[in-house]
Amino acid sequence: MIATKPHTIAVMSRTASSDAVPDALGHFGPYGGTFVPETLVAALEQLRAEYDKAKNDPAFDEEFQYYLREYVGRPSRLYFAKRLTERTFFSTLKTRN
């Protein structure tokens, strides 16, 4: 395991609870860092860069909100299954489950 970024240790008084959440760089405590297998470092850096681009993109946010609204945390909405209705001669409603 390696740290992806060197971290300068600042001498200051800290409480145990301040180490429970990461700082702006994602580091935990004075020795914190991103500790991952070396083979994953490049992939995580690429993921971080893509996330930074996407989080401020209105088109991405619109699509993300759509998926949250339609698929996350509740049963799917009913929809009219037109082709199935045509084949069975019964009005058919389905869910995406």
C-alpha atoms as a PDB file:
ATOM      1  CA  MET A   1       0.000   0.000   0.000  1.00  0.00           C
ATOM      2  CA  ILE A   2       1.222   3.495  -0.786  1.00  0.00           C
ATOM      3  CA  ALA A   3       0.015   7.025  -0.178  1.00  0.00           C
ATOM      4  CA  THR A   4      -0.980   8.826  -3.377  1.00  0.00           C
ATOM      5  CA  LYS A   5       0.075  12.259  -2.164  1.00  0.00           C
ATOM      6  CA  PRO A   6       2.771  13.215   0.341  1.00  0.00           C
ATOM      7  CA  HIS A   7       1.367  14.891   3.412  1.00  0.00           C
ATOM      8  CA  THR A   8       3.166  17.501   5.481  1.00  0.00           C
ATOM      9  CA  ILE A   9       2.676  16.901   9.183  1.00  0.00           C
ATOM     10  CA  ALA A  10       1.556  20.006  11.008  1.00  0.00           C
ATOM     11  CA  VAL A  11       2.133  20.123  14.745  1.00  0.00           C
ATOM     12  CA  MET A  12      -1.025  21.279  16.449  1.00  0.00           C
ATOM     13  CA  SER A  13      -3.361  20.057  19.091  1.00  0.00           C
ATOM     14  CA  ARG A  14      -6.129  17.894  17.681  1.00  0.00           C
ATOM     15  CA  THR A  15      -8.979  16.047  19.235  1.00  0.00           C
ATOM     16  CA  ALA A  16      -9.756  12.434  18.442  1.00  0.00           C
ATOM     17  CA  SER A  17     -13.070  13.429  16.847  1.00  0.00           C
ATOM     18  CA  SER A  18     -11.383  15.710  14.269  1.00  0.00           C
ATOM     19  CA  ASP A  19      -9.618  12.646  12.828  1.00  0.00           C
ATOM     20  CA  ALA A  20     -12.944  10.898  12.227  1.00  0.00           C
ATOM     21  CA  VAL A  21     -13.692  12.920   9.079  1.00  0.00           C
ATOM     22  CA  PRO A  22     -11.378  13.621   6.152  1.00  0.00           C
ATOM     23  CA  ASP A  23      -9.971  17.053   5.335  1.00  0.00           C
ATOM     24  CA  ALA A  24     -10.415  18.760   1.936  1.00  0.00           C
ATOM     25  CA  LEU A  25      -7.886  16.386   0.349  1.00  0.00           C
ATOM     26  CA  GLY A  26      -9.557  13.297   1.786  1.00  0.00           C
ATOM     27  CA  HIS A  27      -6.867  12.733   4.420  1.00  0.00           C
ATOM     28  CA  PHE A  28      -7.633  11.410   7.896  1.00  0.00           C
ATOM     29  CA  GLY A  29      -5.486  12.787  10.704  1.00  0.00           C
ATOM     30  CA  PRO A  30      -1.915  14.054  10.504  1.00  0.00           C
ATOM     31  CA  TYR A  31      -0.661  10.915   8.748  1.00  0.00           C
ATOM     32  CA  GLY A  32      -3.670  10.429   6.532  1.00  0.00           C
ATOM     33  CA  GLY A  33      -3.684   9.849   2.827  1.00  0.00           C
ATOM     34  CA  THR A  34      -5.251   7.706   0.200  1.00  0.00           C
ATOM     35  CA  PHE A  35      -3.847   4.260   0.842  1.00  0.00           C
ATOM     36  CA  VAL A  36      -4.556   1.900  -2.037  1.00  0.00           C
ATOM     37  CA  PRO A  37      -2.649  -0.744  -3.978  1.00  0.00           C
ATOM     38  CA  GLU A  38      -0.253   0.914  -6.420  1.00  0.00           C
ATOM     39  CA  THR A  39      -2.058  -0.607  -9.394  1.00  0.00           C
ATOM     40  CA  LEU A  40      -5.221   1.369  -8.498  1.00  0.00           C
ATOM     41  CA  VAL A  41      -3.623   4.805  -8.066  1.00  0.00           C
ATOM     42  CA  ALA A  42      -3.962   5.846 -11.731  1.00  0.00           C
ATOM     43  CA  ALA A  43      -7.568   4.644 -11.927  1.00  0.00           C
ATOM     44  CA  LEU A  44      -8.515   6.537  -8.757  1.00  0.00           C
ATOM     45  CA  GLU A  45      -6.858   9.723 -10.036  1.00  0.00           C
ATOM     46  CA  GLN A  46      -8.802   9.391 -13.290  1.00  0.00           C
ATOM     47  CA  LEU A  47     -12.024   8.797 -11.349  1.00  0.00           C
ATOM     48  CA  ARG A  48     -11.345  11.866  -9.180  1.00  0.00           C
ATOM     49  CA  ALA A  49     -10.732  14.040 -12.272  1.00  0.00           C
ATOM     50  CA  GLU A  50     -13.907  12.822 -14.003  1.00  0.00           C
ATOM     51  CA  TYR A  51     -15.964  13.354 -10.849  1.00  0.00           C
ATOM     52  CA  ASP A  52     -14.642  16.914 -10.531  1.00  0.00           C
ATOM     53  CA  LYS A  53     -15.775  17.616 -14.120  1.00  0.00           C
ATOM     54  CA  ALA A  54     -19.172  15.937 -13.705  1.00  0.00           C
ATOM     55  CA  LYS A  55     -20.186  17.469 -10.392  1.00  0.00           C
ATOM     56  CA  ASN A  56     -20.406  20.951 -11.958  1.00  0.00           C
ATOM     57  CA  ASP A  57     -21.979  19.866 -15.255  1.00  0.00           C
ATOM     58  CA  PRO A  58     -25.714  20.757 -15.473  1.00  0.00           C
ATOM     59  CA  ALA A  59     -26.405  18.002 -18.037  1.00  0.00           C
ATOM     60  CA  PHE A  60     -24.852  15.390 -15.766  1.00  0.00           C
ATOM     61  CA  ASP A  61     -26.838  16.679 -12.788  1.00  0.00           C
ATOM     62  CA  GLU A  62     -30.081  16.560 -14.780  1.00  0.00           C
ATOM     63  CA  GLU A  63     -29.468  12.944 -15.815  1.00  0.00           C
ATOM     64  CA  PHE A  64     -28.375  12.005 -12.288  1.00  0.00           C
ATOM     65  CA  GLN A  65     -31.553  13.539 -10.813  1.00  0.00           C
ATOM     66  CA  TYR A  66     -33.630  11.590 -13.351  1.00  0.00           C
ATOM     67  CA  TYR A  67     -32.132   8.280 -12.231  1.00  0.00           C
ATOM     68  CA  LEU A  68     -32.566   9.187  -8.565  1.00  0.00           C
ATOM     69  CA  ARG A  69     -36.201  10.078  -9.178  1.00  0.00           C
ATOM     70  CA  GLU A  70     -37.038   7.042 -11.322  1.00  0.00           C
ATOM     71  CA  TYR A  71     -35.022   4.209  -9.774  1.00  0.00           C
ATOM     72  CA  VAL A  72     -33.668   4.920  -6.288  1.00  0.00           C
ATOM     73  CA  GLY A  73     -35.356   4.148  -2.998  1.00  0.00           C
ATOM     74  CA  ARG A  74     -38.867   3.233  -4.029  1.00  0.00           C
ATOM     75  CA  PRO A  75     -40.812   0.904  -6.291  1.00  0.00           C
ATOM     76  CA  SER A  76     -40.768   1.809  -9.975  1.00  0.00           C
ATOM     77  CA  ARG A  77     -43.697   3.608 -11.536  1.00  0.00           C
ATOM     78  CA  LEU A  78     -46.282   1.756 -13.575  1.00  0.00           C
ATOM     79  CA  TYR A  79     -46.259   2.255 -17.312  1.00  0.00           C
ATOM     80  CA  PHE A  80     -48.575   1.174 -20.115  1.00  0.00           C
ATOM     81  CA  ALA A  81     -47.116  -1.832 -21.978  1.00  0.00           C
ATOM     82  CA  LYS A  82     -48.414  -1.033 -25.456  1.00  0.00           C
ATOM     83  CA  ARG A  83     -46.875  -3.966 -27.378  1.00  0.00           C
ATOM     84  CA  LEU A  84     -47.813  -6.510 -24.719  1.00  0.00           C
ATOM     85  CA  THR A  85     -51.371  -5.153 -24.732  1.00  0.00           C
ATOM     86  CA  GLU A  86     -51.517  -5.531 -28.523  1.00  0.00           C
ATOM     87  CA  ARG A  87     -50.350  -9.142 -28.326  1.00  0.00           C
ATOM     88  CA  THR A  88     -52.599 -10.214 -25.445  1.00  0.00           C
ATOM     89  CA  PHE A  89     -55.666  -8.029 -26.130  1.00  0.00           C
ATOM     90  CA  PHE A  90     -55.683  -7.041 -22.444  1.00  0.00           C
ATOM     91  CA  SER A  91     -54.739  -3.609 -21.180  1.00  0.00           C
ATOM     92  CA  THR A  92     -51.444  -4.225 -19.405  1.00  0.00           C
ATOM     93  CA  LEU A  93     -49.586  -2.121 -16.881  1.00  0.00           C
ATOM     94  CA  LYS A  94     -46.061  -3.057 -15.826  1.00  0.00           C
ATOM     95  CA  THR A  95     -43.237  -1.853 -13.622  1.00  0.00           C
ATOM     96  CA  ARG A  96     -39.540  -1.770 -14.440  1.00  0.00           C
ATOM     97  CA  ASN A  97     -38.748  -4.291 -11.694  1.00  0.00           C
END
